[in-house]
């Protein structure tokens, strides 16, 4: 793996880290909102589904990076 590839991976991993922090923060906000006195959980179904799809996409991308890194060993 050359320097350019490593920089590309590092950049994307930093972006993934930002996405994960945003995802975590959004989940915290949804959790708090669902605990409110007059909360309707059905209101949050689409948000939760979207966040689960984003988490799955990030998981798959990280797995691809790990495979790529492990190929060079």
PDB file of N, CA and C in Angstrom:
ATOM      1  N   UNK A   1       0.862  -1.169   0.000  1.00  0.00           N
ATOM      2  CA  UNK A   1       0.000   0.000   0.000  1.00  0.00           C
ATOM      3  C   UNK A   1       0.909   1.233   0.000  1.00  0.00           C
ATOM      4  N   UNK A   2       0.659   2.122  -0.942  1.00  0.00           N
ATOM      5  CA  UNK A   2       1.512   3.306  -1.031  1.00  0.00           C
ATOM      6  C   UNK A   2       0.959   4.450  -0.172  1.00  0.00           C
ATOM      7  N   UNK A   3       1.716   5.521  -0.119  1.00  0.00           N
ATOM      8  CA  UNK A   3       1.370   6.667   0.723  1.00  0.00           C
ATOM      9  C   UNK A   3       0.050   7.294   0.316  1.00  0.00           C
ATOM     10  N   UNK A   4      -0.200   7.383  -0.975  1.00  0.00           N
ATOM     11  CA  UNK A   4      -1.449   7.981  -1.451  1.00  0.00           C
ATOM     12  C   UNK A   4      -2.654   7.160  -0.993  1.00  0.00           C
ATOM     13  N   UNK A   5      -2.539   5.845  -1.064  1.00  0.00           N
ATOM     14  CA  UNK A   5      -3.634   4.983  -0.608  1.00  0.00           C
ATOM     15  C   UNK A   5      -3.858   5.124   0.894  1.00  0.00           C
ATOM     16  N   UNK A   6      -2.770   5.200   1.637  1.00  0.00           N
ATOM     17  CA  UNK A   6      -2.893   5.377   3.089  1.00  0.00           C
ATOM     18  C   UNK A   6      -3.558   6.700   3.447  1.00  0.00           C
ATOM     19  N   UNK A   7      -3.197   7.756   2.731  1.00  0.00           N
ATOM     20  CA  UNK A   7      -3.823   9.061   2.971  1.00  0.00           C
ATOM     21  C   UNK A   7      -5.306   9.028   2.620  1.00  0.00           C
ATOM     22  N   UNK A   8      -5.643   8.305   1.553  1.00  0.00           N
ATOM     23  CA  UNK A   8      -7.043   8.161   1.162  1.00  0.00           C
ATOM     24  C   UNK A   8      -7.832   7.426   2.244  1.00  0.00           C
ATOM     25  N   UNK A   9      -7.256   6.346   2.759  1.00  0.00           N
ATOM     26  CA  UNK A   9      -7.911   5.586   3.831  1.00  0.00           C
ATOM     27  C   UNK A   9      -8.050   6.454   5.071  1.00  0.00           C
ATOM     28  N   UNK A  10      -6.985   7.139   5.448  1.00  0.00           N
ATOM     29  CA  UNK A  10      -7.029   7.984   6.637  1.00  0.00           C
ATOM     30  C   UNK A  10      -8.117   9.044   6.510  1.00  0.00           C
ATOM     31  N   UNK A  11      -8.207   9.667   5.351  1.00  0.00           N
ATOM     32  CA  UNK A  11      -9.221  10.700   5.131  1.00  0.00           C
ATOM     33  C   UNK A  11     -10.629  10.119   5.264  1.00  0.00           C
ATOM     34  N   UNK A  12     -10.859   8.968   4.654  1.00  0.00           N
ATOM     35  CA  UNK A  12     -12.201   8.368   4.713  1.00  0.00           C
ATOM     36  C   UNK A  12     -12.529   7.893   6.126  1.00  0.00           C
ATOM     37  N   UNK A  13     -11.538   7.369   6.853  1.00  0.00           N
ATOM     38  CA  UNK A  13     -11.777   6.938   8.225  1.00  0.00           C
ATOM     39  C   UNK A  13     -12.139   8.142   9.099  1.00  0.00           C
ATOM     40  N   UNK A  14     -11.498   9.262   8.883  1.00  0.00           N
ATOM     41  CA  UNK A  14     -11.858  10.481   9.618  1.00  0.00           C
ATOM     42  C   UNK A  14     -13.289  10.904   9.299  1.00  0.00           C
ATOM     43  N   UNK A  15     -13.690  10.798   8.032  1.00  0.00           N
ATOM     44  CA  UNK A  15     -15.066  11.117   7.650  1.00  0.00           C
ATOM     45  C   UNK A  15     -16.053  10.148   8.311  1.00  0.00           C
ATOM     46  N   UNK A  16     -15.705   8.876   8.341  1.00  0.00           N
ATOM     47  CA  UNK A  16     -16.561   7.874   8.985  1.00  0.00           C
ATOM     48  C   UNK A  16     -16.706   8.190  10.464  1.00  0.00           C
ATOM     49  N   UNK A  17     -15.618   8.594  11.089  1.00  0.00           N
ATOM     50  CA  UNK A  17     -15.668   8.950  12.506  1.00  0.00           C
ATOM     51  C   UNK A  17     -16.651  10.100  12.746  1.00  0.00           C
ATOM     52  N   UNK A  18     -16.643  11.090  11.879  1.00  0.00           N
ATOM     53  CA  UNK A  18     -17.588  12.212  11.987  1.00  0.00           C
ATOM     54  C   UNK A  18     -19.019  11.707  11.805  1.00  0.00           C
ATOM     55  N   UNK A  19     -19.230  10.832  10.819  1.00  0.00           N
ATOM     56  CA  UNK A  19     -20.564  10.275  10.593  1.00  0.00           C
ATOM     57  C   UNK A  19     -21.043   9.488  11.809  1.00  0.00           C
ATOM     58  N   UNK A  20     -20.149   8.729  12.417  1.00  0.00           N
ATOM     59  CA  UNK A  20     -20.516   7.941  13.604  1.00  0.00           C
ATOM     60  C   UNK A  20     -20.884   8.861  14.760  1.00  0.00           C
ATOM     61  N   UNK A  21     -20.122   9.941  14.966  1.00  0.00           N
ATOM     62  CA  UNK A  21     -20.456  10.885  16.036  1.00  0.00           C
ATOM     63  C   UNK A  21     -21.811  11.533  15.794  1.00  0.00           C
ATOM     64  N   UNK A  22     -22.094  11.876  14.541  1.00  0.00           N
ATOM     65  CA  UNK A  22     -23.389  12.459  14.194  1.00  0.00           C
ATOM     66  C   UNK A  22     -24.506  11.457  14.416  1.00  0.00           C
ATOM     67  N   UNK A  23     -24.284  10.228  14.016  1.00  0.00           N
ATOM     68  CA  UNK A  23     -25.264   9.166  14.212  1.00  0.00           C
ATOM     69  C   UNK A  23     -25.540   8.957  15.693  1.00  0.00           C
ATOM     70  N   UNK A  24     -24.500   8.882  16.481  1.00  0.00           N
ATOM     71  CA  UNK A  24     -24.644   8.705  17.936  1.00  0.00           C
ATOM     72  C   UNK A  24     -25.435   9.871  18.536  1.00  0.00           C
ATOM     73  N   UNK A  25     -25.089  11.090  18.151  1.00  0.00           N
ATOM     74  CA  UNK A  25     -25.766  12.272  18.677  1.00  0.00           C
ATOM     75  C   UNK A  25     -27.251  12.264  18.307  1.00  0.00           C
ATOM     76  N   UNK A  26     -27.549  11.878  17.077  1.00  0.00           N
ATOM     77  CA  UNK A  26     -28.938  11.817  16.635  1.00  0.00           C
ATOM     78  C   UNK A  26     -29.701  10.748  17.398  1.00  0.00           C
ATOM     79  N   UNK A  27     -29.080   9.608  17.619  1.00  0.00           N
ATOM     80  CA  UNK A  27     -29.730   8.547  18.398  1.00  0.00           C
ATOM     81  C   UNK A  27     -30.005   9.003  19.825  1.00  0.00           C
ATOM     82  N   UNK A  28     -29.083   9.731  20.413  1.00  0.00           N
ATOM     83  CA  UNK A  28     -29.292  10.276  21.754  1.00  0.00           C
ATOM     84  C   UNK A  28     -30.493  11.227  21.764  1.00  0.00           C
ATOM     85  N   UNK A  29     -30.584  12.073  20.738  1.00  0.00           N
ATOM     86  CA  UNK A  29     -31.695  13.023  20.664  1.00  0.00           C
ATOM     87  C   UNK A  29     -33.028  12.301  20.489  1.00  0.00           C
ATOM     88  N   UNK A  30     -33.052  11.274  19.643  1.00  0.00           N
ATOM     89  CA  UNK A  30     -34.279  10.500  19.458  1.00  0.00           C
ATOM     90  C   UNK A  30     -34.656   9.793  20.760  1.00  0.00           C
ATOM     91  N   UNK A  31     -33.685   9.246  21.436  1.00  0.00           N
ATOM     92  CA  UNK A  31     -33.930   8.585  22.722  1.00  0.00           C
ATOM     93  C   UNK A  31     -34.564   9.555  23.711  1.00  0.00           C
ATOM     94  N   UNK A  32     -33.979  10.722  23.829  1.00  0.00           N
ATOM     95  CA  UNK A  32     -34.523  11.730  24.745  1.00  0.00           C
ATOM     96  C   UNK A  32     -35.936  12.147  24.348  1.00  0.00           C
ATOM     97  N   UNK A  33     -36.156  12.335  23.044  1.00  0.00           N
ATOM     98  CA  UNK A  33     -37.471  12.745  22.570  1.00  0.00           C
ATOM     99  C   UNK A  33     -38.515  11.668  22.831  1.00  0.00           C
ATOM    100  N   UNK A  34     -38.131  10.415  22.690  1.00  0.00           N
ATOM    101  CA  UNK A  34     -39.081   9.316  22.907  1.00  0.00           C
ATOM    102  C   UNK A  34     -39.448   9.165  24.381  1.00  0.00           C
ATOM    103  N   UNK A  35     -38.619   9.668  25.250  1.00  0.00           N
ATOM    104  CA  UNK A  35     -38.902   9.575  26.683  1.00  0.00           C
ATOM    105  C   UNK A  35     -39.760  10.739  27.182  1.00  0.00           C
ATOM    106  N   UNK A  36     -40.043  11.684  26.311  1.00  0.00           N
ATOM    107  CA  UNK A  36     -40.851  12.845  26.693  1.00  0.00           C
ATOM    108  C   UNK A  36     -42.258  12.394  27.084  1.00  0.00           C
ATOM    109  N   UNK A  37     -42.903  13.212  27.863  1.00  0.00           N
ATOM    110  CA  UNK A  37     -44.209  12.857  28.425  1.00  0.00           C
ATOM    111  C   UNK A  37     -45.239  12.490  27.358  1.00  0.00           C
ATOM    112  N   UNK A  38     -45.302  13.243  26.284  1.00  0.00           N
ATOM    113  CA  UNK A  38     -46.326  12.996  25.269  1.00  0.00           C
ATOM    114  C   UNK A  38     -45.725  12.447  23.972  1.00  0.00           C
ATOM    115  N   UNK A  39     -44.642  11.709  24.076  1.00  0.00           N
ATOM    116  CA  UNK A  39     -43.965  11.182  22.896  1.00  0.00           C
ATOM    117  C   UNK A  39     -44.812  10.099  22.230  1.00  0.00           C
ATOM    118  N   UNK A  40     -44.723  10.065  20.922  1.00  0.00           N
ATOM    119  CA  UNK A  40     -45.376   9.034  20.127  1.00  0.00           C
ATOM    120  C   UNK A  40     -44.270   8.287  19.381  1.00  0.00           C
ATOM    121  N   UNK A  41     -43.927   7.077  19.817  1.00  0.00           N
ATOM    122  CA  UNK A  41     -42.809   6.351  19.202  1.00  0.00           C
ATOM    123  C   UNK A  41     -42.934   6.183  17.686  1.00  0.00           C
ATOM    124  N   UNK A  42     -44.142   6.118  17.174  1.00  0.00           N
ATOM    125  CA  UNK A  42     -44.322   5.963  15.723  1.00  0.00           C
ATOM    126  C   UNK A  42     -43.729   7.142  14.954  1.00  0.00           C
ATOM    127  N   UNK A  43     -43.660   8.290  15.596  1.00  0.00           N
ATOM    128  CA  UNK A  43     -43.088   9.482  14.976  1.00  0.00           C
ATOM    129  C   UNK A  43     -41.628   9.254  14.605  1.00  0.00           C
ATOM    130  N   UNK A  44     -40.937   8.411  15.339  1.00  0.00           N
ATOM    131  CA  UNK A  44     -39.490   8.248  15.180  1.00  0.00           C
ATOM    132  C   UNK A  44     -39.101   7.017  14.368  1.00  0.00           C
ATOM    133  N   UNK A  45     -40.073   6.256  13.897  1.00  0.00           N
ATOM    134  CA  UNK A  45     -39.767   5.020  13.175  1.00  0.00           C
ATOM    135  C   UNK A  45     -38.877   5.254  11.957  1.00  0.00           C
ATOM    136  N   UNK A  46     -39.203   6.228  11.128  1.00  0.00           N
ATOM    137  CA  UNK A  46     -38.413   6.478   9.927  1.00  0.00           C
ATOM    138  C   UNK A  46     -37.005   6.952  10.262  1.00  0.00           C
ATOM    139  N   UNK A  47     -36.896   7.784  11.294  1.00  0.00           N
ATOM    140  CA  UNK A  47     -35.567   8.260  11.698  1.00  0.00           C
ATOM    141  C   UNK A  47     -34.712   7.092  12.175  1.00  0.00           C
ATOM    142  N   UNK A  48     -35.283   6.228  12.966  1.00  0.00           N
ATOM    143  CA  UNK A  48     -34.537   5.070  13.475  1.00  0.00           C
ATOM    144  C   UNK A  48     -34.150   4.135  12.338  1.00  0.00           C
ATOM    145  N   UNK A  49     -35.072   3.917  11.414  1.00  0.00           N
ATOM    146  CA  UNK A  49     -34.769   3.063  10.265  1.00  0.00           C
ATOM    147  C   UNK A  49     -33.629   3.660   9.432  1.00  0.00           C
ATOM    148  N   UNK A  50     -33.689   4.957   9.177  1.00  0.00           N
ATOM    149  CA  UNK A  50     -32.626   5.617   8.415  1.00  0.00           C
ATOM    150  C   UNK A  50     -31.280   5.523   9.107  1.00  0.00           C
ATOM    151  N   UNK A  51     -31.279   5.692  10.419  1.00  0.00           N
ATOM    152  CA  UNK A  51     -30.023   5.596  11.163  1.00  0.00           C
ATOM    153  C   UNK A  51     -29.485   4.166  11.159  1.00  0.00           C
ATOM    154  N   UNK A  52     -30.364   3.189  11.204  1.00  0.00           N
ATOM    155  CA  UNK A  52     -29.903   1.796  11.167  1.00  0.00           C
ATOM    156  C   UNK A  52     -29.288   1.487   9.802  1.00  0.00           C
ATOM    157  N   UNK A  53     -29.871   2.009   8.744  1.00  0.00           N
ATOM    158  CA  UNK A  53     -29.297   1.798   7.407  1.00  0.00           C
ATOM    159  C   UNK A  53     -27.936   2.488   7.282  1.00  0.00           C
ATOM    160  N   UNK A  54     -27.818   3.686   7.854  1.00  0.00           N
ATOM    161  CA  UNK A  54     -26.536   4.385   7.822  1.00  0.00           C
ATOM    162  C   UNK A  54     -25.485   3.607   8.610  1.00  0.00           C
ATOM    163  N   UNK A  55     -25.848   3.105   9.777  1.00  0.00           N
ATOM    164  CA  UNK A  55     -24.908   2.325  10.586  1.00  0.00           C
ATOM    165  C   UNK A  55     -24.464   1.076   9.833  1.00  0.00           C
ATOM    166  N   UNK A  56     -25.389   0.418   9.154  1.00  0.00           N
ATOM    167  CA  UNK A  56     -25.044  -0.783   8.393  1.00  0.00           C
ATOM    168  C   UNK A  56     -24.092  -0.444   7.250  1.00  0.00           C
ATOM    169  N   UNK A  57     -24.358   0.663   6.539  1.00  0.00           N
ATOM    170  CA  UNK A  57     -23.481   1.090   5.441  1.00  0.00           C
ATOM    171  C   UNK A  57     -22.069   1.389   5.951  1.00  0.00           C
ATOM    172  N   UNK A  58     -21.993   2.059   7.097  1.00  0.00           N
ATOM    173  CA  UNK A  58     -20.680   2.360   7.682  1.00  0.00           C
ATOM    174  C   UNK A  58     -19.961   1.082   8.088  1.00  0.00           C
ATOM    175  N   UNK A  59     -20.685   0.127   8.653  1.00  0.00           N
ATOM    176  CA  UNK A  59     -20.099  -1.158   9.046  1.00  0.00           C
ATOM    177  C   UNK A  59     -19.514  -1.858   7.827  1.00  0.00           C
ATOM    178  N   UNK A  60     -20.263  -1.887   6.732  1.00  0.00           N
ATOM    179  CA  UNK A  60     -19.774  -2.543   5.516  1.00  0.00           C
ATOM    180  C   UNK A  60     -18.542  -1.841   4.954  1.00  0.00           C
ATOM    181  N   UNK A  61     -18.538  -0.524   4.997  1.00  0.00           N
ATOM    182  CA  UNK A  61     -17.384   0.213   4.482  1.00  0.00           C
ATOM    183  C   UNK A  61     -16.142  -0.052   5.331  1.00  0.00           C
ATOM    184  N   UNK A  62     -16.306  -0.076   6.635  1.00  0.00           N
ATOM    185  CA  UNK A  62     -15.171  -0.370   7.523  1.00  0.00           C
ATOM    186  C   UNK A  62     -14.662  -1.786   7.264  1.00  0.00           C
ATOM    187  N   UNK A  63     -15.560  -2.733   7.054  1.00  0.00           N
ATOM    188  CA  UNK A  63     -15.143  -4.103   6.756  1.00  0.00           C
ATOM    189  C   UNK A  63     -14.334  -4.157   5.464  1.00  0.00           C
ATOM    190  N   UNK A  64     -14.735  -3.387   4.453  1.00  0.00           N
ATOM    191  CA  UNK A  64     -13.968  -3.342   3.205  1.00  0.00           C
ATOM    192  C   UNK A  64     -12.577  -2.778   3.436  1.00  0.00           C
ATOM    193  N   UNK A  65     -12.476  -1.717   4.243  1.00  0.00           N
ATOM    194  CA  UNK A  65     -11.161  -1.154   4.565  1.00  0.00           C
ATOM    195  C   UNK A  65     -10.299  -2.187   5.286  1.00  0.00           C
ATOM    196  N   UNK A  66     -10.877  -2.910   6.218  1.00  0.00           N
ATOM    197  CA  UNK A  66     -10.116  -3.921   6.950  1.00  0.00           C
ATOM    198  C   UNK A  66      -9.622  -5.018   6.013  1.00  0.00           C
ATOM    199  N   UNK A  67     -10.454  -5.450   5.077  1.00  0.00           N
ATOM    200  CA  UNK A  67     -10.035  -6.452   4.101  1.00  0.00           C
ATOM    201  C   UNK A  67      -8.876  -5.911   3.257  1.00  0.00           C
ATOM    202  N   UNK A  68      -9.001  -4.647   2.837  1.00  0.00           N
ATOM    203  CA  UNK A  68      -7.981  -4.022   2.011  1.00  0.00           C
ATOM    204  C   UNK A  68      -6.654  -3.951   2.761  1.00  0.00           C
ATOM    205  N   UNK A  69      -6.709  -3.529   4.011  1.00  0.00           N
ATOM    206  CA  UNK A  69      -5.487  -3.419   4.831  1.00  0.00           C
ATOM    207  C   UNK A  69      -4.886  -4.805   5.058  1.00  0.00           C
ATOM    208  N   UNK A  70      -5.721  -5.787   5.341  1.00  0.00           N
ATOM    209  CA  UNK A  70      -5.228  -7.127   5.632  1.00  0.00           C
ATOM    210  C   UNK A  70      -4.646  -7.819   4.402  1.00  0.00           C
ATOM    211  N   UNK A  71      -5.061  -7.421   3.200  1.00  0.00           N
ATOM    212  CA  UNK A  71      -4.495  -7.983   1.973  1.00  0.00           C
ATOM    213  C   UNK A  71      -3.009  -7.654   1.833  1.00  0.00           C
ATOM    214  N   UNK A  72      -2.605  -6.510   2.346  1.00  0.00           N
ATOM    215  CA  UNK A  72      -1.209  -6.070   2.223  1.00  0.00           C
ATOM    216  C   UNK A  72      -0.285  -6.727   3.230  1.00  0.00           C
ATOM    217  N   UNK A  73      -0.821  -7.474   4.152  1.00  0.00           N
ATOM    218  CA  UNK A  73       0.043  -8.111   5.162  1.00  0.00           C
ATOM    219  C   UNK A  73       0.651  -9.376   4.650  1.00  0.00           C
TER     220      UNK A  73
END
